[in-house]
Amino acid sequence: MERLGNPRIERSLHPTRSSKRCRILAYFELDQNHRGLPDRGAIDFTPILATLFRANYSGLIGVEAFSSCVTGPDVAVIIGIWRDMFADGSDVARAGATIVRNAYRDFHSTRSGHPALPTH
C-alpha cells in the first residue's frame, strides 16, 4: 500500500494521474470552492468523479457544505462561516446526489459508446 502521509492533508485528484491513489481511498468528499452548494461553484466534478469510476472506486462519496443558516451562530463563528449559502441541508444532499448520478451516467454512457442523456 502506498503511504500518502498525514491523513489530515487534503489531496487533489488529477483526472489522469490518480488511479493508484483511488485504489486505496476509502472516502471522497465533494466540496465546492465557496463552501456552499456543490452544484454552484467553479469546480467541475465530472472529470474528478470519472477518475474514481475508472479506478473502480467503491468507497463513500460525501458532500461538505456550510451555511450560517443551518449551523447556527455559535458553530458559524467557530468554523468561520459568515454567509447564508443555503437554508436547508436537504438541498446539499440533493445537489450532491445529482452530481454523482449524472457523472456516473455520463461516464458509463461514454464507455458504452452511447451519448449521454441531457440533464434536467
PDB file of N, CA and C in Angstrom:
ATOM      1  N   MET A   1       0.845  -1.178   0.000  1.00  0.00           N
ATOM      2  CA  MET A   1       0.000   0.000   0.000  1.00  0.00           C
ATOM      3  C   MET A   1       0.888   1.239   0.000  1.00  0.00           C
ATOM      4  N   GLU A   2       0.539   2.204  -0.827  1.00  0.00           N
ATOM      5  CA  GLU A   2       1.295   3.452  -0.897  1.00  0.00           C
ATOM      6  C   GLU A   2       0.962   4.325   0.307  1.00  0.00           C
ATOM      7  N   ARG A   3       1.970   4.850   0.948  1.00  0.00           N
ATOM      8  CA  ARG A   3       1.751   5.740   2.085  1.00  0.00           C
ATOM      9  C   ARG A   3       1.545   7.162   1.560  1.00  0.00           C
ATOM     10  N   LEU A   4       0.447   7.790   1.964  1.00  0.00           N
ATOM     11  CA  LEU A   4       0.124   9.130   1.493  1.00  0.00           C
ATOM     12  C   LEU A   4       0.522  10.208   2.483  1.00  0.00           C
ATOM     13  N   GLY A   5       1.047   9.839   3.629  1.00  0.00           N
ATOM     14  CA  GLY A   5       1.444  10.851   4.597  1.00  0.00           C
ATOM     15  C   GLY A   5       0.337  11.151   5.586  1.00  0.00           C
ATOM     16  N   ASN A   6       0.359  12.342   6.124  1.00  0.00           N
ATOM     17  CA  ASN A   6      -0.591  12.769   7.134  1.00  0.00           C
ATOM     18  C   ASN A   6      -2.018  12.696   6.584  1.00  0.00           C
ATOM     19  N   PRO A   7      -2.918  11.932   7.219  1.00  0.00           N
ATOM     20  CA  PRO A   7      -4.273  11.803   6.690  1.00  0.00           C
ATOM     21  C   PRO A   7      -5.077  13.091   6.752  1.00  0.00           C
ATOM     22  N   ARG A   8      -4.619  14.070   7.496  1.00  0.00           N
ATOM     23  CA  ARG A   8      -5.343  15.339   7.568  1.00  0.00           C
ATOM     24  C   ARG A   8      -5.004  16.258   6.404  1.00  0.00           C
ATOM     25  N   ILE A   9      -4.015  15.908   5.627  1.00  0.00           N
ATOM     26  CA  ILE A   9      -3.647  16.725   4.477  1.00  0.00           C
ATOM     27  C   ILE A   9      -4.553  16.348   3.311  1.00  0.00           C
ATOM     28  N   GLU A  10      -5.197  17.348   2.739  1.00  0.00           N
ATOM     29  CA  GLU A  10      -6.086  17.098   1.619  1.00  0.00           C
ATOM     30  C   GLU A  10      -5.267  16.893   0.354  1.00  0.00           C
ATOM     31  N   ARG A  11      -5.685  15.950  -0.452  1.00  0.00           N
ATOM     32  CA  ARG A  11      -5.025  15.656  -1.716  1.00  0.00           C
ATOM     33  C   ARG A  11      -6.030  15.874  -2.842  1.00  0.00           C
ATOM     34  N   SER A  12      -5.593  16.478  -3.913  1.00  0.00           N
ATOM     35  CA  SER A  12      -6.442  16.652  -5.085  1.00  0.00           C
ATOM     36  C   SER A  12      -6.280  15.441  -6.000  1.00  0.00           C
ATOM     37  N   LEU A  13      -7.345  15.088  -6.701  1.00  0.00           N
ATOM     38  CA  LEU A  13      -7.277  14.001  -7.663  1.00  0.00           C
ATOM     39  C   LEU A  13      -7.104  14.584  -9.054  1.00  0.00           C
ATOM     40  N   HIS A  14      -5.978  14.318  -9.654  1.00  0.00           N
ATOM     41  CA  HIS A  14      -5.754  14.730 -11.037  1.00  0.00           C
ATOM     42  C   HIS A  14      -6.452  13.698 -11.915  1.00  0.00           C
ATOM     43  N   PRO A  15      -7.262  14.134 -12.870  1.00  0.00           N
ATOM     44  CA  PRO A  15      -8.072  13.203 -13.652  1.00  0.00           C
ATOM     45  C   PRO A  15      -7.302  12.091 -14.371  1.00  0.00           C
ATOM     46  N   THR A  16      -6.045  12.292 -14.698  1.00  0.00           N
ATOM     47  CA  THR A  16      -5.329  11.244 -15.432  1.00  0.00           C
ATOM     48  C   THR A  16      -4.195  10.602 -14.661  1.00  0.00           C
ATOM     49  N   ARG A  17      -3.869  11.091 -13.466  1.00  0.00           N
ATOM     50  CA  ARG A  17      -2.720  10.546 -12.746  1.00  0.00           C
ATOM     51  C   ARG A  17      -3.053  10.024 -11.353  1.00  0.00           C
ATOM     52  N   SER A  18      -4.297   9.705 -11.084  1.00  0.00           N
ATOM     53  CA  SER A  18      -4.672   9.382  -9.708  1.00  0.00           C
ATOM     54  C   SER A  18      -5.255   8.003  -9.499  1.00  0.00           C
ATOM     55  N   SER A  19      -5.240   7.134 -10.497  1.00  0.00           N
ATOM     56  CA  SER A  19      -5.899   5.842 -10.324  1.00  0.00           C
ATOM     57  C   SER A  19      -5.251   5.011  -9.224  1.00  0.00           C
ATOM     58  N   LYS A  20      -3.943   5.126  -9.025  1.00  0.00           N
ATOM     59  CA  LYS A  20      -3.275   4.383  -7.958  1.00  0.00           C
ATOM     60  C   LYS A  20      -3.771   4.845  -6.589  1.00  0.00           C
ATOM     61  N   ARG A  21      -3.915   6.127  -6.399  1.00  0.00           N
ATOM     62  CA  ARG A  21      -4.428   6.646  -5.130  1.00  0.00           C
ATOM     63  C   ARG A  21      -5.880   6.244  -4.912  1.00  0.00           C
ATOM     64  N   CYS A  22      -6.668   6.216  -5.972  1.00  0.00           N
ATOM     65  CA  CYS A  22      -8.084   5.855  -5.839  1.00  0.00           C
ATOM     66  C   CYS A  22      -8.246   4.449  -5.301  1.00  0.00           C
ATOM     67  N   ARG A  23      -7.319   3.560  -5.607  1.00  0.00           N
ATOM     68  CA  ARG A  23      -7.438   2.171  -5.156  1.00  0.00           C
ATOM     69  C   ARG A  23      -7.336   2.040  -3.640  1.00  0.00           C
ATOM     70  N   ILE A  24      -6.699   2.992  -2.969  1.00  0.00           N
ATOM     71  CA  ILE A  24      -6.571   2.900  -1.516  1.00  0.00           C
ATOM     72  C   ILE A  24      -7.440   3.934  -0.793  1.00  0.00           C
ATOM     73  N   LEU A  25      -8.212   4.664  -1.547  1.00  0.00           N
ATOM     74  CA  LEU A  25      -9.089   5.689  -0.995  1.00  0.00           C
ATOM     75  C   LEU A  25     -10.343   5.050  -0.412  1.00  0.00           C
ATOM     76  N   ALA A  26     -10.741   5.466   0.781  1.00  0.00           N
ATOM     77  CA  ALA A  26     -11.942   4.920   1.419  1.00  0.00           C
ATOM     78  C   ALA A  26     -13.080   5.926   1.481  1.00  0.00           C
ATOM     79  N   TYR A  27     -12.785   7.204   1.309  1.00  0.00           N
ATOM     80  CA  TYR A  27     -13.801   8.244   1.404  1.00  0.00           C
ATOM     81  C   TYR A  27     -13.389   9.397   0.509  1.00  0.00           C
ATOM     82  N   PHE A  28     -14.338   9.893  -0.279  1.00  0.00           N
ATOM     83  CA  PHE A  28     -14.083  11.046  -1.130  1.00  0.00           C
ATOM     84  C   PHE A  28     -15.164  12.076  -0.865  1.00  0.00           C
ATOM     85  N   GLU A  29     -14.768  13.327  -0.769  1.00  0.00           N
ATOM     86  CA  GLU A  29     -15.713  14.378  -0.414  1.00  0.00           C
ATOM     87  C   GLU A  29     -15.792  15.437  -1.505  1.00  0.00           C
ATOM     88  N   LEU A  30     -17.013  15.747  -1.908  1.00  0.00           N
ATOM     89  CA  LEU A  30     -17.270  16.847  -2.829  1.00  0.00           C
ATOM     90  C   LEU A  30     -17.376  18.115  -1.993  1.00  0.00           C
ATOM     91  N   ASP A  31     -16.632  19.119  -2.384  1.00  0.00           N
ATOM     92  CA  ASP A  31     -16.598  20.361  -1.620  1.00  0.00           C
ATOM     93  C   ASP A  31     -16.333  21.493  -2.603  1.00  0.00           C
ATOM     94  N   GLN A  32     -17.269  22.403  -2.733  1.00  0.00           N
ATOM     95  CA  GLN A  32     -17.146  23.479  -3.714  1.00  0.00           C
ATOM     96  C   GLN A  32     -16.199  24.563  -3.222  1.00  0.00           C
ATOM     97  N   ASN A  33     -15.659  25.337  -4.122  1.00  0.00           N
ATOM     98  CA  ASN A  33     -14.659  26.355  -3.788  1.00  0.00           C
ATOM     99  C   ASN A  33     -15.188  27.423  -2.830  1.00  0.00           C
ATOM    100  N   HIS A  34     -16.493  27.670  -2.823  1.00  0.00           N
ATOM    101  CA  HIS A  34     -17.064  28.705  -1.948  1.00  0.00           C
ATOM    102  C   HIS A  34     -17.681  28.110  -0.685  1.00  0.00           C
ATOM    103  N   ARG A  35     -17.541  26.804  -0.502  1.00  0.00           N
ATOM    104  CA  ARG A  35     -18.031  26.068   0.667  1.00  0.00           C
ATOM    105  C   ARG A  35     -19.556  25.979   0.728  1.00  0.00           C
ATOM    106  N   GLY A  36     -20.232  26.314  -0.357  1.00  0.00           N
ATOM    107  CA  GLY A  36     -21.688  26.252  -0.395  1.00  0.00           C
ATOM    108  C   GLY A  36     -22.170  25.037  -1.161  1.00  0.00           C
ATOM    109  N   LEU A  37     -23.324  25.144  -1.786  1.00  0.00           N
ATOM    110  CA  LEU A  37     -23.913  24.024  -2.518  1.00  0.00           C
ATOM    111  C   LEU A  37     -22.946  23.510  -3.579  1.00  0.00           C
ATOM    112  N   PRO A  38     -22.822  22.193  -3.694  1.00  0.00           N
ATOM    113  CA  PRO A  38     -21.819  21.633  -4.600  1.00  0.00           C
ATOM    114  C   PRO A  38     -22.111  21.840  -6.078  1.00  0.00           C
ATOM    115  N   ASP A  39     -23.339  22.150  -6.436  1.00  0.00           N
ATOM    116  CA  ASP A  39     -23.651  22.363  -7.852  1.00  0.00           C
ATOM    117  C   ASP A  39     -23.584  23.844  -8.254  1.00  0.00           C
ATOM    118  N   ARG A  40     -23.091  24.682  -7.366  1.00  0.00           N
ATOM    119  CA  ARG A  40     -22.963  26.119  -7.655  1.00  0.00           C
ATOM    120  C   ARG A  40     -21.568  26.577  -7.281  1.00  0.00           C
ATOM    121  N   GLY A  41     -20.686  26.559  -8.226  1.00  0.00           N
ATOM    122  CA  GLY A  41     -19.313  26.966  -7.956  1.00  0.00           C
ATOM    123  C   GLY A  41     -18.430  26.703  -9.151  1.00  0.00           C
ATOM    124  N   ALA A  42     -17.146  26.873  -8.978  1.00  0.00           N
ATOM    125  CA  ALA A  42     -16.188  26.780 -10.075  1.00  0.00           C
ATOM    126  C   ALA A  42     -15.710  25.361 -10.357  1.00  0.00           C
ATOM    127  N   ILE A  43     -15.896  24.438  -9.437  1.00  0.00           N
ATOM    128  CA  ILE A  43     -15.335  23.097  -9.604  1.00  0.00           C
ATOM    129  C   ILE A  43     -16.273  22.219 -10.421  1.00  0.00           C
ATOM    130  N   ASP A  44     -15.729  21.650 -11.498  1.00  0.00           N
ATOM    131  CA  ASP A  44     -16.445  20.685 -12.323  1.00  0.00           C
ATOM    132  C   ASP A  44     -16.078  19.296 -11.796  1.00  0.00           C
ATOM    133  N   PHE A  45     -17.007  18.636 -11.150  1.00  0.00           N
ATOM    134  CA  PHE A  45     -16.723  17.349 -10.531  1.00  0.00           C
ATOM    135  C   PHE A  45     -16.734  16.185 -11.517  1.00  0.00           C
ATOM    136  N   THR A  46     -17.258  16.380 -12.734  1.00  0.00           N
ATOM    137  CA  THR A  46     -17.387  15.280 -13.688  1.00  0.00           C
ATOM    138  C   THR A  46     -16.060  14.581 -13.976  1.00  0.00           C
ATOM    139  N   PRO A  47     -14.984  15.294 -14.340  1.00  0.00           N
ATOM    140  CA  PRO A  47     -13.725  14.574 -14.602  1.00  0.00           C
ATOM    141  C   PRO A  47     -13.112  13.955 -13.345  1.00  0.00           C
ATOM    142  N   ILE A  48     -13.333  14.577 -12.214  1.00  0.00           N
ATOM    143  CA  ILE A  48     -12.813  14.028 -10.953  1.00  0.00           C
ATOM    144  C   ILE A  48     -13.532  12.724 -10.626  1.00  0.00           C
ATOM    145  N   LEU A  49     -14.855  12.734 -10.737  1.00  0.00           N
ATOM    146  CA  LEU A  49     -15.623  11.523 -10.461  1.00  0.00           C
ATOM    147  C   LEU A  49     -15.339  10.439 -11.498  1.00  0.00           C
ATOM    148  N   ALA A  50     -15.101  10.829 -12.746  1.00  0.00           N
ATOM    149  CA  ALA A  50     -14.739   9.843 -13.773  1.00  0.00           C
ATOM    150  C   ALA A  50     -13.453   9.117 -13.381  1.00  0.00           C
ATOM    151  N   THR A  51     -12.515   9.835 -12.762  1.00  0.00           N
ATOM    152  CA  THR A  51     -11.289   9.211 -12.277  1.00  0.00           C
ATOM    153  C   THR A  51     -11.612   8.143 -11.240  1.00  0.00           C
ATOM    154  N   LEU A  52     -12.518   8.454 -10.334  1.00  0.00           N
ATOM    155  CA  LEU A  52     -12.929   7.475  -9.330  1.00  0.00           C
ATOM    156  C   LEU A  52     -13.588   6.259  -9.979  1.00  0.00           C
ATOM    157  N   PHE A  53     -14.497   6.504 -10.913  1.00  0.00           N
ATOM    158  CA  PHE A  53     -15.205   5.410 -11.568  1.00  0.00           C
ATOM    159  C   PHE A  53     -14.240   4.543 -12.379  1.00  0.00           C
ATOM    160  N   ARG A  54     -13.295   5.179 -13.082  1.00  0.00           N
ATOM    161  CA  ARG A  54     -12.303   4.454 -13.875  1.00  0.00           C
ATOM    162  C   ARG A  54     -11.449   3.537 -12.994  1.00  0.00           C
ATOM    163  N   ALA A  55     -11.200   3.950 -11.770  1.00  0.00           N
ATOM    164  CA  ALA A  55     -10.405   3.164 -10.827  1.00  0.00           C
ATOM    165  C   ALA A  55     -11.262   2.167 -10.042  1.00  0.00           C
ATOM    166  N   ASN A  56     -12.529   2.038 -10.407  1.00  0.00           N
ATOM    167  CA  ASN A  56     -13.465   1.138  -9.716  1.00  0.00           C
ATOM    168  C   ASN A  56     -13.585   1.467  -8.225  1.00  0.00           C
ATOM    169  N   TYR A  57     -13.566   2.746  -7.915  1.00  0.00           N
ATOM    170  CA  TYR A  57     -13.722   3.196  -6.535  1.00  0.00           C
ATOM    171  C   TYR A  57     -15.057   2.705  -5.988  1.00  0.00           C
ATOM    172  N   SER A  58     -15.051   2.138  -4.790  1.00  0.00           N
ATOM    173  CA  SER A  58     -16.291   1.624  -4.207  1.00  0.00           C
ATOM    174  C   SER A  58     -16.529   2.172  -2.797  1.00  0.00           C
ATOM    175  N   GLY A  59     -15.780   3.198  -2.418  1.00  0.00           N
ATOM    176  CA  GLY A  59     -15.951   3.789  -1.100  1.00  0.00           C
ATOM    177  C   GLY A  59     -17.081   4.802  -1.070  1.00  0.00           C
ATOM    178  N   LEU A  60     -17.164   5.491   0.024  1.00  0.00           N
ATOM    179  CA  LEU A  60     -18.199   6.504   0.208  1.00  0.00           C
ATOM    180  C   LEU A  60     -17.851   7.788  -0.522  1.00  0.00           C
ATOM    181  N   ILE A  61     -18.879   8.494  -0.972  1.00  0.00           N
ATOM    182  CA  ILE A  61     -18.733   9.837  -1.522  1.00  0.00           C
ATOM    183  C   ILE A  61     -19.613  10.737  -0.672  1.00  0.00           C
ATOM    184  N   GLY A  62     -18.989  11.707  -0.026  1.00  0.00           N
ATOM    185  CA  GLY A  62     -19.716  12.627   0.836  1.00  0.00           C
ATOM    186  C   GLY A  62     -19.748  14.025   0.237  1.00  0.00           C
ATOM    187  N   VAL A  63     -20.532  14.875   0.849  1.00  0.00           N
ATOM    188  CA  VAL A  63     -20.633  16.270   0.419  1.00  0.00           C
ATOM    189  C   VAL A  63     -20.432  17.147   1.639  1.00  0.00           C
ATOM    190  N   GLU A  64     -19.595  18.154   1.496  1.00  0.00           N
ATOM    191  CA  GLU A  64     -19.387  19.108   2.585  1.00  0.00           C
ATOM    192  C   GLU A  64     -19.797  20.490   2.094  1.00  0.00           C
ATOM    193  N   ALA A  65     -20.642  21.142   2.852  1.00  0.00           N
ATOM    194  CA  ALA A  65     -21.080  22.495   2.528  1.00  0.00           C
ATOM    195  C   ALA A  65     -21.450  23.186   3.833  1.00  0.00           C
ATOM    196  N   PHE A  66     -21.314  24.495   3.849  1.00  0.00           N
ATOM    197  CA  PHE A  66     -21.557  25.248   5.068  1.00  0.00           C
ATOM    198  C   PHE A  66     -22.484  26.428   4.797  1.00  0.00           C
ATOM    199  N   SER A  67     -23.354  26.691   5.741  1.00  0.00           N
ATOM    200  CA  SER A  67     -24.220  27.856   5.684  1.00  0.00           C
ATOM    201  C   SER A  67     -24.549  28.272   7.107  1.00  0.00           C
ATOM    202  N   SER A  68     -24.432  29.548   7.373  1.00  0.00           N
ATOM    203  CA  SER A  68     -24.725  30.023   8.727  1.00  0.00           C
ATOM    204  C   SER A  68     -26.201  29.832   9.094  1.00  0.00           C
ATOM    205  N   CYS A  69     -27.078  29.717   8.111  1.00  0.00           N
ATOM    206  CA  CYS A  69     -28.499  29.442   8.384  1.00  0.00           C
ATOM    207  C   CYS A  69     -28.685  28.078   9.021  1.00  0.00           C
ATOM    208  N   VAL A  70     -27.888  27.118   8.607  1.00  0.00           N
ATOM    209  CA  VAL A  70     -28.049  25.743   9.053  1.00  0.00           C
ATOM    210  C   VAL A  70     -27.241  25.456  10.316  1.00  0.00           C
ATOM    211  N   THR A  71     -26.029  25.979  10.388  1.00  0.00           N
ATOM    212  CA  THR A  71     -25.158  25.650  11.520  1.00  0.00           C
ATOM    213  C   THR A  71     -25.547  26.363  12.798  1.00  0.00           C
ATOM    214  N   GLY A  72     -26.129  27.528  12.662  1.00  0.00           N
ATOM    215  CA  GLY A  72     -26.416  28.349  13.834  1.00  0.00           C
ATOM    216  C   GLY A  72     -25.233  29.261  14.133  1.00  0.00           C
ATOM    217  N   PRO A  73     -25.464  30.337  14.857  1.00  0.00           N
ATOM    218  CA  PRO A  73     -24.428  31.354  15.053  1.00  0.00           C
ATOM    219  C   PRO A  73     -23.206  30.879  15.837  1.00  0.00           C
ATOM    220  N   ASP A  74     -23.379  30.025  16.838  1.00  0.00           N
ATOM    221  CA  ASP A  74     -22.230  29.582  17.638  1.00  0.00           C
ATOM    222  C   ASP A  74     -21.243  28.778  16.801  1.00  0.00           C
ATOM    223  N   VAL A  75     -21.759  27.816  16.041  1.00  0.00           N
ATOM    224  CA  VAL A  75     -20.899  26.987  15.191  1.00  0.00           C
ATOM    225  C   VAL A  75     -20.336  27.824  14.052  1.00  0.00           C
ATOM    226  N   ALA A  76     -21.140  28.701  13.493  1.00  0.00           N
ATOM    227  CA  ALA A  76     -20.684  29.545  12.381  1.00  0.00           C
ATOM    228  C   ALA A  76     -19.463  30.371  12.772  1.00  0.00           C
ATOM    229  N   VAL A  77     -19.456  30.896  13.965  1.00  0.00           N
ATOM    230  CA  VAL A  77     -18.318  31.688  14.440  1.00  0.00           C
ATOM    231  C   VAL A  77     -17.081  30.811  14.596  1.00  0.00           C
ATOM    232  N   ILE A  78     -17.251  29.633  15.149  1.00  0.00           N
ATOM    233  CA  ILE A  78     -16.121  28.732  15.397  1.00  0.00           C
ATOM    234  C   ILE A  78     -15.444  28.305  14.100  1.00  0.00           C
ATOM    235  N   ILE A  79     -16.224  27.973  13.064  1.00  0.00           N
ATOM    236  CA  ILE A  79     -15.616  27.488  11.823  1.00  0.00           C
ATOM    237  C   ILE A  79     -15.555  28.553  10.722  1.00  0.00           C
ATOM    238  N   GLY A  80     -15.874  29.767  11.057  1.00  0.00           N
ATOM    239  CA  GLY A  80     -15.682  30.890  10.136  1.00  0.00           C
ATOM    240  C   GLY A  80     -16.666  30.958   8.982  1.00  0.00           C
ATOM    241  N   ILE A  81     -17.935  30.706   9.264  1.00  0.00           N
ATOM    242  CA  ILE A  81     -18.969  30.822   8.230  1.00  0.00           C
ATOM    243  C   ILE A  81     -19.701  32.138   8.443  1.00  0.00           C
ATOM    244  N   TRP A  82     -19.723  32.954   7.440  1.00  0.00           N
ATOM    245  CA  TRP A  82     -20.378  34.253   7.581  1.00  0.00           C
ATOM    246  C   TRP A  82     -21.490  34.458   6.557  1.00  0.00           C
ATOM    247  N   ARG A  83     -21.692  33.471   5.655  1.00  0.00           N
ATOM    248  CA  ARG A  83     -22.701  33.633   4.614  1.00  0.00           C
ATOM    249  C   ARG A  83     -23.797  32.581   4.741  1.00  0.00           C
ATOM    250  N   ASP A  84     -24.982  32.959   4.320  1.00  0.00           N
ATOM    251  CA  ASP A  84     -26.107  32.038   4.238  1.00  0.00           C
ATOM    252  C   ASP A  84     -26.132  31.458   2.826  1.00  0.00           C
ATOM    253  N   MET A  85     -25.443  30.329   2.631  1.00  0.00           N
ATOM    254  CA  MET A  85     -25.316  29.731   1.300  1.00  0.00           C
ATOM    255  C   MET A  85     -26.538  28.897   0.915  1.00  0.00           C
ATOM    256  N   PHE A  86     -27.249  28.391   1.903  1.00  0.00           N
ATOM    257  CA  PHE A  86     -28.467  27.621   1.684  1.00  0.00           C
ATOM    258  C   PHE A  86     -29.214  27.564   3.009  1.00  0.00           C
ATOM    259  N   ALA A  87     -30.513  27.263   2.936  1.00  0.00           N
ATOM    260  CA  ALA A  87     -31.323  27.268   4.154  1.00  0.00           C
ATOM    261  C   ALA A  87     -31.730  25.874   4.611  1.00  0.00           C
ATOM    262  N   ASP A  88     -31.472  24.859   3.792  1.00  0.00           N
ATOM    263  CA  ASP A  88     -31.921  23.501   4.118  1.00  0.00           C
ATOM    264  C   ASP A  88     -30.839  22.502   3.730  1.00  0.00           C
ATOM    265  N   GLY A  89     -30.405  21.689   4.670  1.00  0.00           N
ATOM    266  CA  GLY A  89     -29.387  20.687   4.400  1.00  0.00           C
ATOM    267  C   GLY A  89     -29.799  19.671   3.349  1.00  0.00           C
ATOM    268  N   SER A  90     -31.095  19.483   3.157  1.00  0.00           N
ATOM    269  CA  SER A  90     -31.574  18.566   2.114  1.00  0.00           C
ATOM    270  C   SER A  90     -31.164  19.042   0.728  1.00  0.00           C
ATOM    271  N   ASP A  91     -31.043  20.355   0.552  1.00  0.00           N
ATOM    272  CA  ASP A  91     -30.592  20.898  -0.735  1.00  0.00           C
ATOM    273  C   ASP A  91     -29.171  20.428  -1.047  1.00  0.00           C
ATOM    274  N   VAL A  92     -28.345  20.334  -0.026  1.00  0.00           N
ATOM    275  CA  VAL A  92     -26.968  19.862  -0.198  1.00  0.00           C
ATOM    276  C   VAL A  92     -26.979  18.398  -0.637  1.00  0.00           C
ATOM    277  N   ALA A  93     -27.773  17.589   0.035  1.00  0.00           N
ATOM    278  CA  ALA A  93     -27.855  16.165  -0.297  1.00  0.00           C
ATOM    279  C   ALA A  93     -28.366  15.960  -1.719  1.00  0.00           C
ATOM    280  N   ARG A  94     -29.409  16.690  -2.096  1.00  0.00           N
ATOM    281  CA  ARG A  94     -29.959  16.558  -3.448  1.00  0.00           C
ATOM    282  C   ARG A  94     -28.938  16.979  -4.504  1.00  0.00           C
ATOM    283  N   ALA A  95     -28.261  18.097  -4.273  1.00  0.00           N
ATOM    284  CA  ALA A  95     -27.267  18.583  -5.239  1.00  0.00           C
ATOM    285  C   ALA A  95     -26.120  17.585  -5.379  1.00  0.00           C
ATOM    286  N   GLY A  96     -25.632  17.065  -4.261  1.00  0.00           N
ATOM    287  CA  GLY A  96     -24.546  16.085  -4.309  1.00  0.00           C
ATOM    288  C   GLY A  96     -24.960  14.813  -5.019  1.00  0.00           C
ATOM    289  N   ALA A  97     -26.156  14.310  -4.714  1.00  0.00           N
ATOM    290  CA  ALA A  97     -26.647  13.089  -5.357  1.00  0.00           C
ATOM    291  C   ALA A  97     -26.800  13.283  -6.858  1.00  0.00           C
ATOM    292  N   THR A  98     -27.280  14.444  -7.272  1.00  0.00           N
ATOM    293  CA  THR A  98     -27.442  14.728  -8.697  1.00  0.00           C
ATOM    294  C   THR A  98     -26.089  14.780  -9.408  1.00  0.00           C
ATOM    295  N   ILE A  99     -25.109  15.413  -8.784  1.00  0.00           N
ATOM    296  CA  ILE A  99     -23.771  15.482  -9.379  1.00  0.00           C
ATOM    297  C   ILE A  99     -23.203  14.081  -9.583  1.00  0.00           C
ATOM    298  N   VAL A 100     -23.265  13.253  -8.556  1.00  0.00           N
ATOM    299  CA  VAL A 100     -22.706  11.900  -8.645  1.00  0.00           C
ATOM    300  C   VAL A 100     -23.491  11.061  -9.654  1.00  0.00           C
ATOM    301  N   ARG A 101     -24.804  11.124  -9.592  1.00  0.00           N
ATOM    302  CA  ARG A 101     -25.650  10.350 -10.514  1.00  0.00           C
ATOM    303  C   ARG A 101     -25.369  10.731 -11.964  1.00  0.00           C
ATOM    304  N   ASN A 102     -25.308  12.033 -12.261  1.00  0.00           N
ATOM    305  CA  ASN A 102     -25.062  12.474 -13.632  1.00  0.00           C
ATOM    306  C   ASN A 102     -23.661  12.102 -14.106  1.00  0.00           C
ATOM    307  N   ALA A 103     -22.667  12.249 -13.232  1.00  0.00           N
ATOM    308  CA  ALA A 103     -21.293  11.893 -13.602  1.00  0.00           C
ATOM    309  C   ALA A 103     -21.186  10.391 -13.865  1.00  0.00           C
ATOM    310  N   TYR A 104     -21.859   9.585 -13.046  1.00  0.00           N
ATOM    311  CA  TYR A 104     -21.852   8.135 -13.220  1.00  0.00           C
ATOM    312  C   TYR A 104     -22.502   7.762 -14.545  1.00  0.00           C
ATOM    313  N   ARG A 105     -23.644   8.357 -14.819  1.00  0.00           N
ATOM    314  CA  ARG A 105     -24.345   8.095 -16.077  1.00  0.00           C
ATOM    315  C   ARG A 105     -23.499   8.516 -17.271  1.00  0.00           C
ATOM    316  N   ASP A 106     -22.900   9.715 -17.204  1.00  0.00           N
ATOM    317  CA  ASP A 106     -22.068  10.198 -18.300  1.00  0.00           C
ATOM    318  C   ASP A 106     -20.852   9.304 -18.518  1.00  0.00           C
ATOM    319  N   PHE A 107     -20.229   8.882 -17.433  1.00  0.00           N
ATOM    320  CA  PHE A 107     -19.056   8.014 -17.537  1.00  0.00           C
ATOM    321  C   PHE A 107     -19.408   6.702 -18.228  1.00  0.00           C
ATOM    322  N   HIS A 108     -20.499   6.083 -17.805  1.00  0.00           N
ATOM    323  CA  HIS A 108     -20.857   4.792 -18.377  1.00  0.00           C
ATOM    324  C   HIS A 108     -21.424   4.916 -19.788  1.00  0.00           C
ATOM    325  N   SER A 109     -22.104   6.005 -20.103  1.00  0.00           N
ATOM    326  CA  SER A 109     -22.616   6.164 -21.470  1.00  0.00           C
ATOM    327  C   SER A 109     -21.463   6.440 -22.430  1.00  0.00           C
ATOM    328  N   THR A 110     -20.431   7.146 -21.981  1.00  0.00           N
ATOM    329  CA  THR A 110     -19.254   7.403 -22.815  1.00  0.00           C
ATOM    330  C   THR A 110     -18.505   6.101 -23.078  1.00  0.00           C
ATOM    331  N   ARG A 111     -18.388   5.275 -22.060  1.00  0.00           N
ATOM    332  CA  ARG A 111     -17.663   3.998 -22.205  1.00  0.00           C
ATOM    333  C   ARG A 111     -18.429   3.016 -23.074  1.00  0.00           C
ATOM    334  N   SER A 112     -19.750   3.101 -23.064  1.00  0.00           N
ATOM    335  CA  SER A 112     -20.550   2.157 -23.861  1.00  0.00           C
ATOM    336  C   SER A 112     -20.708   2.608 -25.297  1.00  0.00           C
ATOM    337  N   GLY A 113     -20.286   3.838 -25.587  1.00  0.00           N
ATOM    338  CA  GLY A 113     -20.420   4.355 -26.951  1.00  0.00           C
ATOM    339  C   GLY A 113     -21.728   5.051 -27.213  1.00  0.00           C
ATOM    340  N   HIS A 114     -22.615   5.063 -26.215  1.00  0.00           N
ATOM    341  CA  HIS A 114     -23.893   5.751 -26.372  1.00  0.00           C
ATOM    342  C   HIS A 114     -23.776   7.148 -25.816  1.00  0.00           C
ATOM    343  N   PRO A 115     -24.311   8.162 -26.490  1.00  0.00           N
ATOM    344  CA  PRO A 115     -24.227   9.513 -25.963  1.00  0.00           C
ATOM    345  C   PRO A 115     -25.006   9.667 -24.668  1.00  0.00           C
ATOM    346  N   ALA A 116     -24.510  10.539 -23.810  1.00  0.00           N
ATOM    347  CA  ALA A 116     -25.171  10.802 -22.533  1.00  0.00           C
ATOM    348  C   ALA A 116     -26.491  11.505 -22.771  1.00  0.00           C
ATOM    349  N   LEU A 117     -27.464  11.217 -21.921  1.00  0.00           N
ATOM    350  CA  LEU A 117     -28.746  11.910 -21.976  1.00  0.00           C
ATOM    351  C   LEU A 117     -28.599  13.292 -21.370  1.00  0.00           C
ATOM    352  N   PRO A 118     -29.381  14.257 -21.835  1.00  0.00           N
ATOM    353  CA  PRO A 118     -29.299  15.586 -21.229  1.00  0.00           C
ATOM    354  C   PRO A 118     -29.783  15.561 -19.779  1.00  0.00           C
ATOM    355  N   THR A 119     -29.204  16.409 -18.949  1.00  0.00           N
ATOM    356  CA  THR A 119     -29.633  16.510 -17.562  1.00  0.00           C
ATOM    357  C   THR A 119     -30.716  17.553 -17.436  1.00  0.00           C
ATOM    358  N   HIS A 120     -31.570  17.369 -16.464  1.00  0.00           N
ATOM    359  CA  HIS A 120     -32.654  18.343 -16.225  1.00  0.00           C
ATOM    360  C   HIS A 120     -32.561  18.890 -14.845  1.00  0.00           C
TER     361      HIS A 120
END
